[in-house]
Each structure stands twice: as C-alpha cells, then as structure tokens.
Amino acid sequence: MAEEKEQKSFLKKFGKWAPIIGGAWIVLNIVLPLALLRIPAVQNFLVSLGDKLPFDIPGIG
C-alpha cells in the first residue's frame, strides 16, 4: 500500500513538468534543426562539408 502512494505522489510531482519537458524536447529535436536548415549560411556550410567528404554518399551529390 505504501508503494502505491509513493507511485501516485511521483506522478503528481512530475505531472506538471511533463508538458514543459515534452515541449522542450520537440523544440530542441525538431523545430530547431528545421529552423537552422532554412538559414542560407548553414545550407552553404553543409554543402561545402559534403564536398569535402572523401567518399560518396548516395543522395547527397
């Protein structure tokens, strides 16, 4: 019975942080990289980096 109460309090304690952590994860892993890819300087850097690779990756060039 004590374990049940402990689990419920754990969920209550972190329940209010779950949307904040989930939103931050989405922003850092999806929104930020897509936003960076729209910047021309980042695009030019990635193209020049792809040209410097000593091997060929299909679909890159």
PDB file of N, CA and C in Angstrom:
ATOM      1  N   MET A   1       0.820  -1.189   0.000  1.00  0.00           N
ATOM      2  CA  MET A   1       0.000   0.000   0.000  1.00  0.00           C
ATOM      3  C   MET A   1       0.869   1.260   0.000  1.00  0.00           C
ATOM      4  N   ALA A   2       1.971   1.199   0.709  1.00  0.00           N
ATOM      5  CA  ALA A   2       2.868   2.355   0.753  1.00  0.00           C
ATOM      6  C   ALA A   2       3.490   2.605  -0.618  1.00  0.00           C
ATOM      7  N   GLU A   3       3.751   1.517  -1.363  1.00  0.00           N
ATOM      8  CA  GLU A   3       4.320   1.682  -2.702  1.00  0.00           C
ATOM      9  C   GLU A   3       3.328   2.369  -3.637  1.00  0.00           C
ATOM     10  N   GLU A   4       2.043   2.067  -3.521  1.00  0.00           N
ATOM     11  CA  GLU A   4       1.030   2.707  -4.349  1.00  0.00           C
ATOM     12  C   GLU A   4       0.992   4.205  -4.101  1.00  0.00           C
ATOM     13  N   LYS A   5       1.023   4.601  -2.847  1.00  0.00           N
ATOM     14  CA  LYS A   5       1.008   6.024  -2.518  1.00  0.00           C
ATOM     15  C   LYS A   5       2.268   6.708  -3.032  1.00  0.00           C
ATOM     16  N   GLU A   6       3.400   6.008  -2.951  1.00  0.00           N
ATOM     17  CA  GLU A   6       4.651   6.583  -3.419  1.00  0.00           C
ATOM     18  C   GLU A   6       4.601   6.796  -4.940  1.00  0.00           C
ATOM     19  N   GLN A   7       4.041   5.839  -5.669  1.00  0.00           N
ATOM     20  CA  GLN A   7       3.933   5.966  -7.115  1.00  0.00           C
ATOM     21  C   GLN A   7       2.980   7.093  -7.491  1.00  0.00           C
ATOM     22  N   LYS A   8       1.894   7.230  -6.800  1.00  0.00           N
ATOM     23  CA  LYS A   8       0.945   8.294  -7.110  1.00  0.00           C
ATOM     24  C   LYS A   8       1.563   9.664  -6.853  1.00  0.00           C
ATOM     25  N   SER A   9       2.283   9.799  -5.746  1.00  0.00           N
ATOM     26  CA  SER A   9       2.905  11.087  -5.460  1.00  0.00           C
ATOM     27  C   SER A   9       3.994  11.399  -6.491  1.00  0.00           C
ATOM     28  N   PHE A  10       4.691  10.360  -6.972  1.00  0.00           N
ATOM     29  CA  PHE A  10       5.701  10.557  -8.011  1.00  0.00           C
ATOM     30  C   PHE A  10       5.053  11.114  -9.274  1.00  0.00           C
ATOM     31  N   LEU A  11       3.918  10.532  -9.680  1.00  0.00           N
ATOM     32  CA  LEU A  11       3.231  11.012 -10.869  1.00  0.00           C
ATOM     33  C   LEU A  11       2.676  12.418 -10.666  1.00  0.00           C
ATOM     34  N   LYS A  12       2.177  12.687  -9.485  1.00  0.00           N
ATOM     35  CA  LYS A  12       1.655  14.026  -9.223  1.00  0.00           C
ATOM     36  C   LYS A  12       2.776  15.061  -9.240  1.00  0.00           C
ATOM     37  N   LYS A  13       3.923  14.679  -8.701  1.00  0.00           N
ATOM     38  CA  LYS A  13       5.027  15.626  -8.611  1.00  0.00           C
ATOM     39  C   LYS A  13       5.543  16.008  -9.998  1.00  0.00           C
ATOM     40  N   PHE A  14       5.677  15.055 -10.889  1.00  0.00           N
ATOM     41  CA  PHE A  14       6.232  15.332 -12.208  1.00  0.00           C
ATOM     42  C   PHE A  14       5.159  15.547 -13.269  1.00  0.00           C
ATOM     43  N   GLY A  15       3.900  15.453 -12.907  1.00  0.00           N
ATOM     44  CA  GLY A  15       2.839  15.642 -13.875  1.00  0.00           C
ATOM     45  C   GLY A  15       2.787  17.042 -14.438  1.00  0.00           C
ATOM     46  N   LYS A  16       3.095  18.038 -13.619  1.00  0.00           N
ATOM     47  CA  LYS A  16       3.040  19.410 -14.112  1.00  0.00           C
ATOM     48  C   LYS A  16       4.239  19.744 -14.995  1.00  0.00           C
ATOM     49  N   TRP A  17       5.340  18.992 -14.857  1.00  0.00           N
ATOM     50  CA  TRP A  17       6.525  19.246 -15.660  1.00  0.00           C
ATOM     51  C   TRP A  17       6.514  18.504 -16.990  1.00  0.00           C
ATOM     52  N   ALA A  18       5.679  17.508 -17.122  1.00  0.00           N
ATOM     53  CA  ALA A  18       5.668  16.686 -18.337  1.00  0.00           C
ATOM     54  C   ALA A  18       5.418  17.505 -19.606  1.00  0.00           C
ATOM     55  N   PRO A  19       4.420  18.396 -19.644  1.00  0.00           N
ATOM     56  CA  PRO A  19       4.229  19.185 -20.876  1.00  0.00           C
ATOM     57  C   PRO A  19       5.402  20.112 -21.174  1.00  0.00           C
ATOM     58  N   ILE A  20       6.040  20.644 -20.136  1.00  0.00           N
ATOM     59  CA  ILE A  20       7.171  21.542 -20.349  1.00  0.00           C
ATOM     60  C   ILE A  20       8.355  20.768 -20.917  1.00  0.00           C
ATOM     61  N   ILE A  21       8.638  19.604 -20.338  1.00  0.00           N
ATOM     62  CA  ILE A  21       9.747  18.784 -20.821  1.00  0.00           C
ATOM     63  C   ILE A  21       9.455  18.270 -22.233  1.00  0.00           C
ATOM     64  N   GLY A  22       8.217  17.852 -22.480  1.00  0.00           N
ATOM     65  CA  GLY A  22       7.845  17.380 -23.822  1.00  0.00           C
ATOM     66  C   GLY A  22       7.947  18.482 -24.856  1.00  0.00           C
ATOM     67  N   GLY A  23       7.499  19.670 -24.512  1.00  0.00           N
ATOM     68  CA  GLY A  23       7.594  20.799 -25.444  1.00  0.00           C
ATOM     69  C   GLY A  23       9.031  21.178 -25.723  1.00  0.00           C
ATOM     70  N   ALA A  24       9.868  21.168 -24.686  1.00  0.00           N
ATOM     71  CA  ALA A  24      11.282  21.487 -24.872  1.00  0.00           C
ATOM     72  C   ALA A  24      11.956  20.442 -25.756  1.00  0.00           C
ATOM     73  N   TRP A  25      11.589  19.167 -25.591  1.00  0.00           N
ATOM     74  CA  TRP A  25      12.176  18.107 -26.414  1.00  0.00           C
ATOM     75  C   TRP A  25      11.811  18.313 -27.882  1.00  0.00           C
ATOM     76  N   ILE A  26      10.551  18.637 -28.132  1.00  0.00           N
ATOM     77  CA  ILE A  26      10.108  18.858 -29.516  1.00  0.00           C
ATOM     78  C   ILE A  26      10.839  20.032 -30.134  1.00  0.00           C
ATOM     79  N   VAL A  27      10.970  21.108 -29.383  1.00  0.00           N
ATOM     80  CA  VAL A  27      11.656  22.293 -29.911  1.00  0.00           C
ATOM     81  C   VAL A  27      13.121  21.981 -30.204  1.00  0.00           C
ATOM     82  N   LEU A  28      13.807  21.328 -29.280  1.00  0.00           N
ATOM     83  CA  LEU A  28      15.233  21.069 -29.466  1.00  0.00           C
ATOM     84  C   LEU A  28      15.525  20.052 -30.555  1.00  0.00           C
ATOM     85  N   ASN A  29      14.656  19.071 -30.725  1.00  0.00           N
ATOM     86  CA  ASN A  29      14.963  17.983 -31.654  1.00  0.00           C
ATOM     87  C   ASN A  29      14.273  18.082 -33.003  1.00  0.00           C
ATOM     88  N   ILE A  30      13.244  18.903 -33.126  1.00  0.00           N
ATOM     89  CA  ILE A  30      12.525  19.002 -34.394  1.00  0.00           C
ATOM     90  C   ILE A  30      12.528  20.430 -34.924  1.00  0.00           C
ATOM     91  N   VAL A  31      12.064  21.369 -34.137  1.00  0.00           N
ATOM     92  CA  VAL A  31      11.886  22.744 -34.609  1.00  0.00           C
ATOM     93  C   VAL A  31      13.229  23.426 -34.850  1.00  0.00           C
ATOM     94  N   LEU A  32      14.154  23.319 -33.911  1.00  0.00           N
ATOM     95  CA  LEU A  32      15.447  23.993 -34.039  1.00  0.00           C
ATOM     96  C   LEU A  32      16.251  23.501 -35.249  1.00  0.00           C
ATOM     97  N   PRO A  33      16.399  22.190 -35.476  1.00  0.00           N
ATOM     98  CA  PRO A  33      17.137  21.763 -36.676  1.00  0.00           C
ATOM     99  C   PRO A  33      16.472  22.209 -37.978  1.00  0.00           C
ATOM    100  N   LEU A  34      15.148  22.172 -38.030  1.00  0.00           N
ATOM    101  CA  LEU A  34      14.470  22.614 -39.248  1.00  0.00           C
ATOM    102  C   LEU A  34      14.649  24.108 -39.458  1.00  0.00           C
ATOM    103  N   ALA A  35      14.646  24.881 -38.377  1.00  0.00           N
ATOM    104  CA  ALA A  35      14.872  26.316 -38.489  1.00  0.00           C
ATOM    105  C   ALA A  35      16.298  26.601 -38.955  1.00  0.00           C
ATOM    106  N   LEU A  36      17.264  25.842 -38.445  1.00  0.00           N
ATOM    107  CA  LEU A  36      18.653  26.041 -38.865  1.00  0.00           C
ATOM    108  C   LEU A  36      18.848  25.727 -40.345  1.00  0.00           C
ATOM    109  N   LEU A  37      18.142  24.740 -40.854  1.00  0.00           N
ATOM    110  CA  LEU A  37      18.292  24.370 -42.261  1.00  0.00           C
ATOM    111  C   LEU A  37      17.746  25.426 -43.210  1.00  0.00           C
ATOM    112  N   ARG A  38      16.946  26.355 -42.717  1.00  0.00           N
ATOM    113  CA  ARG A  38      16.410  27.421 -43.564  1.00  0.00           C
ATOM    114  C   ARG A  38      17.373  28.603 -43.691  1.00  0.00           C
ATOM    115  N   ILE A  39      18.431  28.632 -42.889  1.00  0.00           N
ATOM    116  CA  ILE A  39      19.402  29.729 -42.927  1.00  0.00           C
ATOM    117  C   ILE A  39      20.400  29.450 -44.053  1.00  0.00           C
ATOM    118  N   PRO A  40      20.565  30.392 -45.002  1.00  0.00           N
ATOM    119  CA  PRO A  40      21.460  30.153 -46.147  1.00  0.00           C
ATOM    120  C   PRO A  40      22.904  29.851 -45.747  1.00  0.00           C
ATOM    121  N   ALA A  41      23.413  30.476 -44.694  1.00  0.00           N
ATOM    122  CA  ALA A  41      24.790  30.221 -44.275  1.00  0.00           C
ATOM    123  C   ALA A  41      24.955  28.767 -43.820  1.00  0.00           C
ATOM    124  N   VAL A  42      23.966  28.234 -43.145  1.00  0.00           N
ATOM    125  CA  VAL A  42      24.015  26.838 -42.702  1.00  0.00           C
ATOM    126  C   VAL A  42      23.933  25.914 -43.919  1.00  0.00           C
ATOM    127  N   GLN A  43      23.102  26.258 -44.875  1.00  0.00           N
ATOM    128  CA  GLN A  43      22.994  25.450 -46.093  1.00  0.00           C
ATOM    129  C   GLN A  43      24.326  25.427 -46.835  1.00  0.00           C
ATOM    130  N   ASN A  44      24.972  26.581 -46.975  1.00  0.00           N
ATOM    131  CA  ASN A  44      26.269  26.633 -47.664  1.00  0.00           C
ATOM    132  C   ASN A  44      27.319  25.829 -46.923  1.00  0.00           C
ATOM    133  N   PHE A  45      27.303  25.888 -45.588  1.00  0.00           N
ATOM    134  CA  PHE A  45      28.260  25.113 -44.799  1.00  0.00           C
ATOM    135  C   PHE A  45      28.055  23.620 -45.020  1.00  0.00           C
ATOM    136  N   LEU A  46      26.807  23.170 -45.026  1.00  0.00           N
ATOM    137  CA  LEU A  46      26.541  21.747 -45.217  1.00  0.00           C
ATOM    138  C   LEU A  46      26.930  21.284 -46.618  1.00  0.00           C
ATOM    139  N   VAL A  47      26.728  22.129 -47.619  1.00  0.00           N
ATOM    140  CA  VAL A  47      27.124  21.773 -48.986  1.00  0.00           C
ATOM    141  C   VAL A  47      28.638  21.668 -49.077  1.00  0.00           C
ATOM    142  N   SER A  48      29.358  22.634 -48.496  1.00  0.00           N
ATOM    143  CA  SER A  48      30.821  22.582 -48.550  1.00  0.00           C
ATOM    144  C   SER A  48      31.350  21.400 -47.743  1.00  0.00           C
ATOM    145  N   LEU A  49      30.700  21.079 -46.651  1.00  0.00           N
ATOM    146  CA  LEU A  49      31.103  19.915 -45.863  1.00  0.00           C
ATOM    147  C   LEU A  49      30.893  18.629 -46.658  1.00  0.00           C
ATOM    148  N   GLY A  50      29.797  18.562 -47.401  1.00  0.00           N
ATOM    149  CA  GLY A  50      29.537  17.385 -48.228  1.00  0.00           C
ATOM    150  C   GLY A  50      30.546  17.226 -49.347  1.00  0.00           C
ATOM    151  N   ASP A  51      31.043  18.365 -49.867  1.00  0.00           N
ATOM    152  CA  ASP A  51      32.049  18.299 -50.932  1.00  0.00           C
ATOM    153  C   ASP A  51      33.398  17.816 -50.412  1.00  0.00           C
ATOM    154  N   LYS A  52      33.673  18.021 -49.142  1.00  0.00           N
ATOM    155  CA  LYS A  52      34.967  17.646 -48.571  1.00  0.00           C
ATOM    156  C   LYS A  52      35.038  16.176 -48.163  1.00  0.00           C
ATOM    157  N   LEU A  53      33.918  15.480 -48.164  1.00  0.00           N
ATOM    158  CA  LEU A  53      33.925  14.078 -47.741  1.00  0.00           C
ATOM    159  C   LEU A  53      34.715  13.230 -48.731  1.00  0.00           C
ATOM    160  N   PRO A  54      35.558  12.337 -48.254  1.00  0.00           N
ATOM    161  CA  PRO A  54      36.378  11.530 -49.160  1.00  0.00           C
ATOM    162  C   PRO A  54      35.627  10.346 -49.768  1.00  0.00           C
ATOM    163  N   PHE A  55      34.360  10.191 -49.464  1.00  0.00           N
ATOM    164  CA  PHE A  55      33.582   9.089 -50.011  1.00  0.00           C
ATOM    165  C   PHE A  55      32.249   9.616 -50.508  1.00  0.00           C
ATOM    166  N   ASP A  56      31.581   8.812 -51.321  1.00  0.00           N
ATOM    167  CA  ASP A  56      30.331   9.238 -51.930  1.00  0.00           C
ATOM    168  C   ASP A  56      29.151   8.671 -51.139  1.00  0.00           C
ATOM    169  N   ILE A  57      28.241   9.546 -50.783  1.00  0.00           N
ATOM    170  CA  ILE A  57      27.014   9.120 -50.111  1.00  0.00           C
ATOM    171  C   ILE A  57      25.871   9.302 -51.105  1.00  0.00           C
ATOM    172  N   PRO A  58      25.160   8.240 -51.434  1.00  0.00           N
ATOM    173  CA  PRO A  58      24.061   8.370 -52.388  1.00  0.00           C
ATOM    174  C   PRO A  58      23.003   9.350 -51.881  1.00  0.00           C
ATOM    175  N   GLY A  59      22.573  10.215 -52.761  1.00  0.00           N
ATOM    176  CA  GLY A  59      21.541  11.188 -52.417  1.00  0.00           C
ATOM    177  C   GLY A  59      22.095  12.526 -51.968  1.00  0.00           C
ATOM    178  N   ILE A  60      23.389  12.628 -51.718  1.00  0.00           N
ATOM    179  CA  ILE A  60      23.970  13.912 -51.297  1.00  0.00           C
ATOM    180  C   ILE A  60      24.579  14.636 -52.487  1.00  0.00           C
ATOM    181  N   GLY A  61      25.100  13.928 -53.434  1.00  0.00           N
ATOM    182  CA  GLY A  61      25.655  14.655 -54.567  1.00  0.00           C
ATOM    183  C   GLY A  61      26.500  13.796 -55.341  1.00  0.00           C
TER     184      GLY A  61
END
